[in-house]
Amino acid sequence: MRISLRMSTAVTRRPLNVSLPTGLIEEARKLDINLSRACEQGIGTAIKAERERRWKQQNAQAIADYNRWVEDNGLPLAGYREF
């Protein structure tokens, strides 16, 4: 399942109660920030960050193995690099 961080009116929405610090709400309202959209963006960003963290964790051994291989053998196709 892929979650887009872009807002779309075509997305089915459902109401949700969220508790936020009063000062944060007041400041957002002073700045005309849409709280629902801000929450949506923040949750989307948190989901993306957690998925990246889990991917790195799940693939840590393969990444370490590849890095070790590069240390031992050099970069693949390094002879074709022009920089």
Protein backbone atom coordinates (compact mmCIF):
# COMPACT_ATOMS: atom_id res chain seq x y z
CA MET A 1 0.00 0.00 0.00
CA ARG A 2 1.39 3.35 -1.02
CA ILE A 3 0.44 6.59 0.70
CA SER A 4 0.79 9.83 -1.20
CA LEU A 5 1.79 12.92 0.73
CA ARG A 6 -0.14 15.06 -1.76
CA MET A 7 -3.62 16.15 -0.74
CA SER A 8 -6.45 14.92 -2.88
CA THR A 9 -10.15 15.61 -2.62
CA ALA A 10 -10.84 12.21 -4.24
CA VAL A 11 -9.61 10.40 -1.13
CA THR A 12 -12.29 9.01 1.14
CA ARG A 13 -12.04 10.76 4.48
CA ARG A 14 -13.35 9.87 7.89
CA PRO A 15 -13.61 12.06 10.98
CA LEU A 16 -11.14 11.52 13.81
CA ASN A 17 -10.77 13.16 17.19
CA VAL A 18 -7.26 14.42 17.88
CA SER A 19 -6.00 16.07 21.05
CA LEU A 20 -3.42 18.80 20.53
CA PRO A 21 -1.84 21.35 22.87
CA THR A 22 -3.98 24.50 23.12
CA GLY A 23 -1.09 26.81 22.26
CA LEU A 24 -0.39 24.88 19.09
CA ILE A 25 -4.01 25.11 17.98
CA GLU A 26 -4.20 28.84 18.73
CA GLU A 27 -0.99 29.57 16.81
CA ALA A 28 -2.14 27.50 13.83
CA ARG A 29 -5.47 29.35 13.74
CA LYS A 30 -3.70 32.75 13.92
CA LEU A 31 -1.68 31.68 10.87
CA ASP A 32 -4.76 30.30 9.04
CA ILE A 33 -3.32 26.80 8.98
CA ASN A 34 -5.84 24.07 8.16
CA LEU A 35 -5.44 21.70 11.11
CA SER A 36 -6.85 18.69 9.27
CA ARG A 37 -4.46 19.14 6.35
CA ALA A 38 -1.52 19.81 8.68
CA CYS A 39 -2.29 16.62 10.63
CA GLU A 40 -2.60 14.70 7.36
CA GLN A 41 0.77 15.95 6.17
CA GLY A 42 2.41 15.22 9.51
CA ILE A 43 1.02 11.69 9.67
CA GLY A 44 2.03 11.08 6.04
CA THR A 45 5.57 12.24 6.83
CA ALA A 46 5.70 10.03 9.94
CA ILE A 47 4.52 7.00 7.91
CA LYS A 48 7.17 7.62 5.25
CA ALA A 49 9.92 7.99 7.88
CA GLU A 50 8.86 4.80 9.69
CA ARG A 51 8.72 2.81 6.46
CA GLU A 52 12.23 4.01 5.56
CA ARG A 53 13.53 3.15 9.04
CA ARG A 54 12.04 -0.34 8.87
CA TRP A 55 13.39 -0.92 5.35
CA LYS A 56 16.89 0.05 6.47
CA GLN A 57 16.58 -2.21 9.49
CA GLN A 58 15.31 -5.16 7.44
CA ASN A 59 18.02 -4.71 4.82
CA ALA A 60 20.92 -3.76 7.10
CA GLN A 61 22.75 -7.06 6.56
CA ALA A 62 22.51 -6.89 2.77
CA ILE A 63 23.71 -3.27 2.80
CA ALA A 64 26.65 -4.18 5.06
CA ASP A 65 27.51 -7.15 2.83
CA TYR A 66 27.45 -4.99 -0.30
CA ASN A 67 29.56 -2.28 1.33
CA ARG A 68 32.08 -4.92 2.39
CA TRP A 69 32.15 -6.30 -1.16
CA VAL A 70 32.80 -2.80 -2.56
CA GLU A 71 35.63 -2.28 -0.05
CA ASP A 72 37.21 -5.56 -1.15
CA ASN A 73 36.56 -5.31 -4.90
CA GLY A 74 35.99 -1.65 -5.69
CA LEU A 75 32.98 -0.12 -7.35
CA PRO A 76 31.37 -2.15 -10.11
CA LEU A 77 32.07 -0.60 -13.52
CA ALA A 78 34.53 1.85 -11.93
CA GLY A 79 36.67 1.65 -15.08
CA TYR A 80 33.93 3.33 -17.05
CA ARG A 81 33.59 6.34 -14.78
CA GLU A 82 34.64 9.64 -16.32
CA PHE A 83 34.99 11.64 -13.11
